[in-house]
Amino acid sequence: MSVRRLAKEQPASFAFSPETMEKVNWWINKYPESRRQSAVIPLLWLVQKQEGWVCEPAISAIAKLLGMAQIRVYEVATFYTMFMLEPVGSAALIQVCGTTPCMLRGSDALMQVCKDKIGAKDKLSKDGLFTWQEVECLGACCNAPMAQINDYYYEDLTPENLAQIIDDFAAGKSPKPGPYNGRHTSEPLGGATTLSDPALYDGSAAKPITIPNAPGTEVQA
């Protein structure tokens, strides 16, 4: 894994919003006082949900709340790639999967759309609305090619789909996540072709049955 560092330009200060602070306290109080450092990952995530990224003043604030050395919070923030260490687009952070299944299904074309409409990867767009990245497998290989945009998966994408999604985010809309080829989740196009008997899913398989030669016994199937 490549070395990850904090952004060179940092804000002068950081403060939790009242709404975020309520969630912070909930997480801290989940743990005994001597184990509250266990809340470091949730608190980093709450910072990112509030600000879009994790800045150095926020790391310092978390360290004080949890009674940790600041370097320990820094180590966690820089280890996990889900934490953004530089400002990201205010409209969308687009993470395009570039691992083999998605690459074979056309992820290179999706990345080209991002280059054309947003600019260089890992950089904030000129209008401040977008950042895009190439990432490793997101675990949705059945729906390749795909991208995670903010918190949701957008799957079975074509370059035209992704271009429209970017335009929608730029216009302040919230494009529908999920597959974009008409199928439901990862079912085959046209519907399921196996395990299609409704009786498999009507609960009958879980009805109590009697064990042979054991009178008065019933167990769940």
C-alpha atoms as a PDB file:
ATOM      1  CA  MET A   1       0.000   0.000   0.000  1.00  0.00           C
ATOM      2  CA  SER A   2       1.326   3.443  -0.880  1.00  0.00           C
ATOM      3  CA  VAL A   3       2.159   5.971   1.806  1.00  0.00           C
ATOM      4  CA  ARG A   4      -0.771   8.228   2.680  1.00  0.00           C
ATOM      5  CA  ARG A   5      -0.216  11.666   4.154  1.00  0.00           C
ATOM      6  CA  LEU A   6      -2.378  14.536   5.290  1.00  0.00           C
ATOM      7  CA  ALA A   7      -3.089  17.361   2.869  1.00  0.00           C
ATOM      8  CA  LYS A   8      -0.480  20.113   2.827  1.00  0.00           C
ATOM      9  CA  GLU A   9      -3.124  22.812   3.233  1.00  0.00           C
ATOM     10  CA  GLN A  10      -5.088  22.453   6.456  1.00  0.00           C
ATOM     11  CA  PRO A  11      -7.918  24.486   8.005  1.00  0.00           C
ATOM     12  CA  ALA A  12      -7.067  26.576  11.039  1.00  0.00           C
ATOM     13  CA  SER A  13      -9.603  24.806  13.247  1.00  0.00           C
ATOM     14  CA  PHE A  14     -12.300  22.148  13.444  1.00  0.00           C
ATOM     15  CA  ALA A  15     -15.492  21.846  15.463  1.00  0.00           C
ATOM     16  CA  PHE A  16     -18.091  19.103  15.682  1.00  0.00           C
ATOM     17  CA  SER A  17     -21.584  20.224  14.769  1.00  0.00           C
ATOM     18  CA  PRO A  18     -24.227  19.679  17.490  1.00  0.00           C
ATOM     19  CA  GLU A  19     -25.725  16.827  15.458  1.00  0.00           C
ATOM     20  CA  THR A  20     -22.343  15.148  15.005  1.00  0.00           C
ATOM     21  CA  MET A  21     -21.422  15.677  18.653  1.00  0.00           C
ATOM     22  CA  GLU A  22     -24.554  13.826  19.718  1.00  0.00           C
ATOM     23  CA  LYS A  23     -23.418  10.839  17.648  1.00  0.00           C
ATOM     24  CA  VAL A  24     -19.855  11.170  18.957  1.00  0.00           C
ATOM     25  CA  ASN A  25     -21.096  10.922  22.547  1.00  0.00           C
ATOM     26  CA  TRP A  26     -23.215   7.893  21.672  1.00  0.00           C
ATOM     27  CA  TRP A  27     -20.167   6.074  20.318  1.00  0.00           C
ATOM     28  CA  ILE A  28     -17.898   7.068  23.195  1.00  0.00           C
ATOM     29  CA  ASN A  29     -20.445   5.904  25.765  1.00  0.00           C
ATOM     30  CA  LYS A  30     -20.608   2.463  24.163  1.00  0.00           C
ATOM     31  CA  TYR A  31     -17.261   1.646  25.740  1.00  0.00           C
ATOM     32  CA  PRO A  32     -15.949   1.521  29.323  1.00  0.00           C
ATOM     33  CA  GLU A  33     -13.994   4.635  30.198  1.00  0.00           C
ATOM     34  CA  SER A  34     -10.712   2.730  29.969  1.00  0.00           C
ATOM     35  CA  ARG A  35     -11.579   1.452  26.474  1.00  0.00           C
ATOM     36  CA  ARG A  36     -12.925   4.553  24.783  1.00  0.00           C
ATOM     37  CA  GLN A  37     -10.075   4.622  22.302  1.00  0.00           C
ATOM     38  CA  SER A  38     -12.042   1.843  20.582  1.00  0.00           C
ATOM     39  CA  ALA A  39     -14.318   4.585  19.206  1.00  0.00           C
ATOM     40  CA  VAL A  40     -11.557   6.097  17.071  1.00  0.00           C
ATOM     41  CA  ILE A  41     -12.753   4.643  13.748  1.00  0.00           C
ATOM     42  CA  PRO A  42     -16.419   5.657  14.212  1.00  0.00           C
ATOM     43  CA  LEU A  43     -15.325   9.159  15.225  1.00  0.00           C
ATOM     44  CA  LEU A  44     -13.090   9.513  12.186  1.00  0.00           C
ATOM     45  CA  TRP A  45     -16.013   8.397  10.042  1.00  0.00           C
ATOM     46  CA  LEU A  46     -18.315  10.968  11.659  1.00  0.00           C
ATOM     47  CA  VAL A  47     -15.761  13.680  10.916  1.00  0.00           C
ATOM     48  CA  GLN A  48     -15.688  12.597   7.296  1.00  0.00           C
ATOM     49  CA  LYS A  49     -19.487  12.535   7.068  1.00  0.00           C
ATOM     50  CA  GLN A  50     -19.564  16.090   8.407  1.00  0.00           C
ATOM     51  CA  GLU A  51     -16.675  17.595   6.453  1.00  0.00           C
ATOM     52  CA  GLY A  52     -16.203  15.253   3.506  1.00  0.00           C
ATOM     53  CA  TRP A  53     -12.617  14.527   4.568  1.00  0.00           C
ATOM     54  CA  VAL A  54     -10.387  14.178   7.642  1.00  0.00           C
ATOM     55  CA  CYS A  55      -8.237  17.185   8.484  1.00  0.00           C
ATOM     56  CA  GLU A  56      -5.441  17.506  11.037  1.00  0.00           C
ATOM     57  CA  PRO A  57      -7.444  19.702  13.473  1.00  0.00           C
ATOM     58  CA  ALA A  58     -10.144  17.001  13.505  1.00  0.00           C
ATOM     59  CA  ILE A  59      -7.538  14.346  14.299  1.00  0.00           C
ATOM     60  CA  SER A  60      -6.363  16.500  17.191  1.00  0.00           C
ATOM     61  CA  ALA A  61      -9.940  16.934  18.438  1.00  0.00           C
ATOM     62  CA  ILE A  62     -10.550  13.183  18.378  1.00  0.00           C
ATOM     63  CA  ALA A  63      -7.290  12.530  20.218  1.00  0.00           C
ATOM     64  CA  LYS A  64      -8.346  14.890  23.020  1.00  0.00           C
ATOM     65  CA  LEU A  65     -11.822  13.379  23.276  1.00  0.00           C
ATOM     66  CA  LEU A  66     -10.494   9.834  23.530  1.00  0.00           C
ATOM     67  CA  GLY A  67      -7.385  10.531  25.593  1.00  0.00           C
ATOM     68  CA  MET A  68      -5.104   9.271  22.829  1.00  0.00           C
ATOM     69  CA  ALA A  69      -1.807  10.481  21.490  1.00  0.00           C
ATOM     70  CA  GLN A  70      -2.493  12.394  18.284  1.00  0.00           C
ATOM     71  CA  ILE A  71      -0.042  10.182  16.390  1.00  0.00           C
ATOM     72  CA  ARG A  72      -2.221   7.134  17.188  1.00  0.00           C
ATOM     73  CA  VAL A  73      -5.289   8.725  15.602  1.00  0.00           C
ATOM     74  CA  TYR A  74      -3.110   9.792  12.670  1.00  0.00           C
ATOM     75  CA  GLU A  75      -1.936   6.188  12.231  1.00  0.00           C
ATOM     76  CA  VAL A  76      -5.522   4.934  11.982  1.00  0.00           C
ATOM     77  CA  ALA A  77      -6.618   7.701   9.611  1.00  0.00           C
ATOM     78  CA  THR A  78      -3.709   7.130   7.237  1.00  0.00           C
ATOM     79  CA  PHE A  79      -3.937   3.319   7.329  1.00  0.00           C
ATOM     80  CA  TYR A  80      -7.544   2.957   6.175  1.00  0.00           C
ATOM     81  CA  THR A  81      -8.120   4.131   2.626  1.00  0.00           C
ATOM     82  CA  MET A  82     -11.800   4.819   3.321  1.00  0.00           C
ATOM     83  CA  PHE A  83     -10.685   8.001   5.079  1.00  0.00           C
ATOM     84  CA  MET A  84     -10.133  10.891   2.686  1.00  0.00           C
ATOM     85  CA  LEU A  85      -7.118  12.964   3.721  1.00  0.00           C
ATOM     86  CA  GLU A  86      -7.722  15.793   1.246  1.00  0.00           C
ATOM     87  CA  PRO A  87     -10.854  17.776   0.357  1.00  0.00           C
ATOM     88  CA  VAL A  88     -13.205  15.951  -2.016  1.00  0.00           C
ATOM     89  CA  GLY A  89     -16.006  17.110  -4.272  1.00  0.00           C
ATOM     90  CA  SER A  90     -19.010  18.599  -2.522  1.00  0.00           C
ATOM     91  CA  ALA A  91     -21.428  16.890  -4.929  1.00  0.00           C
ATOM     92  CA  ALA A  92     -19.862  13.463  -5.334  1.00  0.00           C
ATOM     93  CA  LEU A  93     -16.835  11.313  -4.618  1.00  0.00           C
ATOM     94  CA  ILE A  94     -16.754   8.777  -7.457  1.00  0.00           C
ATOM     95  CA  GLN A  95     -14.733   5.605  -6.872  1.00  0.00           C
ATOM     96  CA  VAL A  96     -14.482   3.491 -10.016  1.00  0.00           C
ATOM     97  CA  CYS A  97     -13.522  -0.148  -9.527  1.00  0.00           C
ATOM     98  CA  GLY A  98     -10.539  -1.008 -11.713  1.00  0.00           C
ATOM     99  CA  THR A  99      -9.960  -4.613 -10.669  1.00  0.00           C
ATOM    100  CA  THR A 100     -10.006  -7.394 -13.281  1.00  0.00           C
ATOM    101  CA  PRO A 101     -13.763  -8.217 -13.525  1.00  0.00           C
ATOM    102  CA  CYS A 102     -14.695  -4.558 -13.909  1.00  0.00           C
ATOM    103  CA  MET A 103     -11.760  -3.903 -16.244  1.00  0.00           C
ATOM    104  CA  LEU A 104     -12.865  -6.746 -18.517  1.00  0.00           C
ATOM    105  CA  ARG A 105     -16.388  -5.319 -18.532  1.00  0.00           C
ATOM    106  CA  GLY A 106     -15.371  -1.791 -19.451  1.00  0.00           C
ATOM    107  CA  SER A 107     -14.191   0.153 -16.420  1.00  0.00           C
ATOM    108  CA  ASP A 108     -11.521   1.860 -18.550  1.00  0.00           C
ATOM    109  CA  ALA A 109     -14.306   3.580 -20.480  1.00  0.00           C
ATOM    110  CA  LEU A 110     -15.898   4.728 -17.208  1.00  0.00           C
ATOM    111  CA  MET A 111     -12.595   6.212 -16.094  1.00  0.00           C
ATOM    112  CA  GLN A 112     -12.309   8.040 -19.400  1.00  0.00           C
ATOM    113  CA  VAL A 113     -15.709   9.619 -18.764  1.00  0.00           C
ATOM    114  CA  CYS A 114     -14.441  10.787 -15.378  1.00  0.00           C
ATOM    115  CA  LYS A 115     -11.303  12.241 -16.956  1.00  0.00           C
ATOM    116  CA  ASP A 116     -13.324  14.051 -19.606  1.00  0.00           C
ATOM    117  CA  LYS A 117     -16.009  15.448 -17.305  1.00  0.00           C
ATOM    118  CA  ILE A 118     -14.113  15.918 -14.022  1.00  0.00           C
ATOM    119  CA  GLY A 119     -10.374  16.016 -14.715  1.00  0.00           C
ATOM    120  CA  ALA A 120      -7.398  14.172 -13.282  1.00  0.00           C
ATOM    121  CA  LYS A 121      -8.058  11.410 -10.784  1.00  0.00           C
ATOM    122  CA  ASP A 122      -7.483  12.027  -7.084  1.00  0.00           C
ATOM    123  CA  LYS A 123      -7.848  15.777  -7.675  1.00  0.00           C
ATOM    124  CA  LEU A 124     -10.673  18.140  -6.827  1.00  0.00           C
ATOM    125  CA  SER A 125     -12.481  19.336  -9.948  1.00  0.00           C
ATOM    126  CA  LYS A 126     -12.149  23.007 -10.860  1.00  0.00           C
ATOM    127  CA  ASP A 127     -15.715  23.730  -9.764  1.00  0.00           C
ATOM    128  CA  GLY A 128     -15.178  21.900  -6.456  1.00  0.00           C
ATOM    129  CA  LEU A 129     -18.074  19.528  -7.111  1.00  0.00           C
ATOM    130  CA  PHE A 130     -16.311  16.262  -7.897  1.00  0.00           C
ATOM    131  CA  THR A 131     -13.403  13.995  -7.079  1.00  0.00           C
ATOM    132  CA  TRP A 132     -12.867  10.643  -8.745  1.00  0.00           C
ATOM    133  CA  GLN A 133     -10.568   7.742  -7.914  1.00  0.00           C
ATOM    134  CA  GLU A 134      -9.647   4.328  -9.240  1.00  0.00           C
ATOM    135  CA  VAL A 135     -10.078   1.795  -6.435  1.00  0.00           C
ATOM    136  CA  GLU A 136      -9.588  -1.903  -5.835  1.00  0.00           C
ATOM    137  CA  CYS A 137     -12.401  -4.475  -5.817  1.00  0.00           C
ATOM    138  CA  LEU A 138     -15.620  -3.255  -4.196  1.00  0.00           C
ATOM    139  CA  GLY A 139     -17.125  -6.743  -4.052  1.00  0.00           C
ATOM    140  CA  ALA A 140     -19.842  -6.292  -6.672  1.00  0.00           C
ATOM    141  CA  CYS A 141     -18.207  -8.271  -9.478  1.00  0.00           C
ATOM    142  CA  CYS A 142     -21.576  -9.672 -10.642  1.00  0.00           C
ATOM    143  CA  ASN A 143     -22.562  -6.115 -11.528  1.00  0.00           C
ATOM    144  CA  ALA A 144     -19.390  -5.048 -13.315  1.00  0.00           C
ATOM    145  CA  PRO A 145     -18.483  -2.429 -14.297  1.00  0.00           C
ATOM    146  CA  MET A 146     -19.495  -0.396 -11.285  1.00  0.00           C
ATOM    147  CA  ALA A 147     -18.581   2.536  -9.109  1.00  0.00           C
ATOM    148  CA  GLN A 148     -19.239   3.634  -5.571  1.00  0.00           C
ATOM    149  CA  ILE A 149     -20.525   7.203  -5.534  1.00  0.00           C
ATOM    150  CA  ASN A 150     -20.614   8.705  -2.064  1.00  0.00           C
ATOM    151  CA  ASP A 151     -22.255   5.943   0.028  1.00  0.00           C
ATOM    152  CA  TYR A 152     -23.935   3.925  -2.728  1.00  0.00           C
ATOM    153  CA  TYR A 153     -23.142   1.464  -5.510  1.00  0.00           C
ATOM    154  CA  TYR A 154     -23.989   2.291  -9.135  1.00  0.00           C
ATOM    155  CA  GLU A 155     -23.776  -0.911 -11.121  1.00  0.00           C
ATOM    156  CA  ASP A 156     -23.891  -2.361 -14.646  1.00  0.00           C
ATOM    157  CA  LEU A 157     -22.787   1.014 -15.935  1.00  0.00           C
ATOM    158  CA  THR A 158     -22.129   2.197 -19.454  1.00  0.00           C
ATOM    159  CA  PRO A 159     -20.150   5.351 -20.236  1.00  0.00           C
ATOM    160  CA  GLU A 160     -23.447   7.027 -21.139  1.00  0.00           C
ATOM    161  CA  ASN A 161     -24.986   6.037 -17.803  1.00  0.00           C
ATOM    162  CA  LEU A 162     -22.070   7.434 -15.838  1.00  0.00           C
ATOM    163  CA  ALA A 163     -21.984  10.662 -17.832  1.00  0.00           C
ATOM    164  CA  GLN A 164     -25.675  11.227 -17.057  1.00  0.00           C
ATOM    165  CA  ILE A 165     -25.162  10.386 -13.375  1.00  0.00           C
ATOM    166  CA  ILE A 166     -22.380  12.978 -13.156  1.00  0.00           C
ATOM    167  CA  ASP A 167     -24.598  15.559 -14.852  1.00  0.00           C
ATOM    168  CA  ASP A 168     -27.404  14.785 -12.403  1.00  0.00           C
ATOM    169  CA  PHE A 169     -25.148  15.222  -9.371  1.00  0.00           C
ATOM    170  CA  ALA A 170     -23.866  18.497 -10.832  1.00  0.00           C
ATOM    171  CA  ALA A 171     -27.483  19.670 -11.119  1.00  0.00           C
ATOM    172  CA  GLY A 172     -28.128  18.895  -7.456  1.00  0.00           C
ATOM    173  CA  LYS A 173     -30.110  15.735  -8.103  1.00  0.00           C
ATOM    174  CA  SER A 174     -29.729  12.357  -6.363  1.00  0.00           C
ATOM    175  CA  PRO A 175     -29.461   9.673  -9.063  1.00  0.00           C
ATOM    176  CA  LYS A 176     -30.924   6.303  -8.160  1.00  0.00           C
ATOM    177  CA  PRO A 177     -28.260   3.767  -7.104  1.00  0.00           C
ATOM    178  CA  GLY A 178     -28.199   0.112  -8.095  1.00  0.00           C
ATOM    179  CA  PRO A 179     -28.054  -1.642 -11.475  1.00  0.00           C
ATOM    180  CA  TYR A 180     -28.479   0.447 -14.618  1.00  0.00           C
ATOM    181  CA  ASN A 181     -29.291  -2.351 -17.062  1.00  0.00           C
ATOM    182  CA  GLY A 182     -32.796  -3.065 -15.820  1.00  0.00           C
ATOM    183  CA  ARG A 183     -32.167  -6.088 -13.661  1.00  0.00           C
ATOM    184  CA  HIS A 184     -32.945  -6.483  -9.959  1.00  0.00           C
ATOM    185  CA  THR A 185     -29.773  -6.516  -7.844  1.00  0.00           C
ATOM    186  CA  SER A 186     -27.561  -9.248  -9.365  1.00  0.00           C
ATOM    187  CA  GLU A 187     -30.297 -11.404 -10.899  1.00  0.00           C
ATOM    188  CA  PRO A 188     -29.844 -12.474 -14.531  1.00  0.00           C
ATOM    189  CA  LEU A 189     -31.389 -10.150 -17.079  1.00  0.00           C
ATOM    190  CA  GLY A 190     -34.988 -11.235 -17.565  1.00  0.00           C
ATOM    191  CA  GLY A 191     -35.273 -12.686 -14.072  1.00  0.00           C
ATOM    192  CA  ALA A 192     -34.077 -15.721 -12.164  1.00  0.00           C
ATOM    193  CA  THR A 193     -33.456 -18.894 -14.165  1.00  0.00           C
ATOM    194  CA  THR A 194     -32.748 -21.216 -11.232  1.00  0.00           C
ATOM    195  CA  LEU A 195     -34.220 -21.583  -7.733  1.00  0.00           C
ATOM    196  CA  SER A 196     -37.385 -20.018  -9.103  1.00  0.00           C
ATOM    197  CA  ASP A 197     -39.937 -22.238  -7.322  1.00  0.00           C
ATOM    198  CA  PRO A 198     -41.971 -19.952  -4.986  1.00  0.00           C
ATOM    199  CA  ALA A 199     -42.171 -22.774  -2.436  1.00  0.00           C
ATOM    200  CA  LEU A 200     -38.492 -22.246  -1.740  1.00  0.00           C
ATOM    201  CA  TYR A 201     -39.289 -18.891  -0.212  1.00  0.00           C
ATOM    202  CA  ASP A 202     -42.777 -19.276   1.339  1.00  0.00           C
ATOM    203  CA  GLY A 203     -41.503 -20.439   4.714  1.00  0.00           C
ATOM    204  CA  SER A 204     -42.690 -24.025   4.338  1.00  0.00           C
ATOM    205  CA  ALA A 205     -39.159 -25.333   4.655  1.00  0.00           C
ATOM    206  CA  ALA A 206     -39.046 -23.977   8.201  1.00  0.00           C
ATOM    207  CA  LYS A 207     -42.270 -25.616   9.415  1.00  0.00           C
ATOM    208  CA  PRO A 208     -41.907 -28.011  12.380  1.00  0.00           C
ATOM    209  CA  ILE A 209     -41.461 -31.656  11.449  1.00  0.00           C
ATOM    210  CA  THR A 210     -41.650 -34.835  13.521  1.00  0.00           C
ATOM    211  CA  ILE A 211     -38.506 -36.897  13.876  1.00  0.00           C
ATOM    212  CA  PRO A 212     -39.184 -40.550  12.978  1.00  0.00           C
ATOM    213  CA  ASN A 213     -39.132 -42.970  15.940  1.00  0.00           C
ATOM    214  CA  ALA A 214     -39.098 -40.094  18.420  1.00  0.00           C
ATOM    215  CA  PRO A 215     -42.719 -39.512  19.516  1.00  0.00           C
ATOM    216  CA  GLY A 216     -43.600 -36.070  20.752  1.00  0.00           C
ATOM    217  CA  THR A 217     -40.583 -34.359  19.221  1.00  0.00           C
ATOM    218  CA  GLU A 218     -40.796 -31.533  16.762  1.00  0.00           C
ATOM    219  CA  VAL A 219     -37.901 -29.594  15.325  1.00  0.00           C
ATOM    220  CA  GLN A 220     -37.528 -26.828  12.788  1.00  0.00           C
ATOM    221  CA  ALA A 221     -36.585 -28.122   9.386  1.00  0.00           C
END
